[in-house]
Structures are given as C-alpha cells and as structure tokens.
Amino acid sequence: MELSPELKAYQTLNKIKKNVMVRFITGLGLAIGTAIAAFFMLYLQFYGFADLFFIVSAQSLLYTLSYLGHFLLISFFGLIILEVLRKGVEENYLDTLGNFIGALAVGIVTVAFNAMVAIGLDETVNSTIQLLLYPLTYFGITINPSPYIHEYMARFIGWGAAVALFNVFIGNPEDLYGIITGKRTIREQWLQLDKAALPKKFMKVLFLLAFLPPLMDGYKEFFGEVIPTIIETIKRLMGELK
C-alpha cells in the first residue's frame, strides 16, 4: 500500500529530527562534560590531560554548531518544513540550508575565538571574566577571579581558536574520516565550491588578509605558555612511573 504524501512527509521529518537531535545533543553533552573535566584537571595541575579535554571540548562545540542550522530549522520551522516536504521538495535542499547555517555559525565562532587570540589572551581573558561576572554587581556581589578561572579561560580560548582554524582550513573529524575511508575525495573536501562551504572560504580569505600577523603573535604567546607546562607534566608523570 502506497503511503500518502502527508504520511511520507511526516516520516521524513521524524527521520531528519531524530538524526539531528542525536548529533546535536551528543555534541553538546560532550562539549559540556569535557569542559568540566578540563577544569578539574587544571585544578589538579594535570595540564596535559586538561589540554586534551580542552581540545575535545572545543571540537565538540564546533561539531554541535555545525548542526545548529538543522536544529533551528526543525525547532522553529517544523510545521513549515513538514508542509514543504509534503509538496515534494527533497530533503537534500533542507540539508543544504542547514549546512549553510551551521557553516556560518562555525565561521562566526572561529572569527571570535581567533580575534581574542589576536588581541591578546591576557586582555581578552580579563575582559571576558569581567563581562561574565558583571551581572552579579547588581546584587552587591564582587568576585575576584581565581588564577584557575583565568588560566581556564585562556586555555579554552587558545585551544578553541586553534581547533577552529584546523576545522576551517583542513576539515572536521567527519571530513577527515570520509577522506581516509574513501567516502569523500580530496577534491570534494578542498577544491569543490558549494553553498555550505562559502562561509568557510570567506573565513580563509579573511584570516589571510587581516588576522595572520596578530594571530602569529597571539599563538606565540599562547603556545609559549602551554607547551612548557605540558612538558613539565610529562616529566612529572614519567618520574612517578619510575
């Protein structure tokens, strides 16, 4: 028995919704969980593990943002999408629109993170912490940020910026997995121009024209502090194993 257009559209929407929600919630949960784990590792002075959790958290955040477009479309325009599907529009068009919004979100976060690195981590971290704590002043509460919060923000911003650049210029883990398994070609990844890739292409040009000189100084400052602490942690762990 052939399904009616209404039932087909409903089944298609449910399939898209389930796929998007699983990926969005998984990415968001992993981003929050590893961010919390990074704070405790930093508090315990296990810097190598903290940086690893920062990298996973930043990548999970970007993964979540890449599905932000799909999530917003389904959450706020579900009835419209259902009607569009009922009229016979293929879900590939909706997927393309979701990818475009997601790529734009990743691009905006990438610019924001790297702008913070380019300005200077110390200045950025202080401003960010003050901004986050400012609402408490309305209740007469003044908080002096601990060194752990300052270092946490600096490392999260620094690793977030580095991971974001890797995603924009090289690709996200899904892209790289597709290339390794042969499901995606290098031409498709780096040379083919599609609508969803336009924000990323724009980000690359923007970085090359405006961000490269200050970014080099910013990353020099960041990794000049991070790498020695990682080496020190490795030496300490090796000493405990002997």
Foldseek 3Di string as FASTA:
>chain_A
DDDALLVVLVVVLVVLVVVLVVQLVVLVVLLVVLLVVLLVCVVVLLLQSSLVSLLSNLLSVLSNLQQVLVVCCCVPVVVVSSVVSSVPDDCVVVVQRSLQRSLLSLLVVLCVLLVCLLVALQVSLVVVVCVVCVVCVVVVDDDDDDPSSSVSSSSNSLSSNVSSVCCLQPRRPVQVVCCVVVVDDPCRVHPDDDSSNVSSVVSVVCCVVPPVPSSVVSNCVSCVPSVVSNVVSVVVVVVVVD
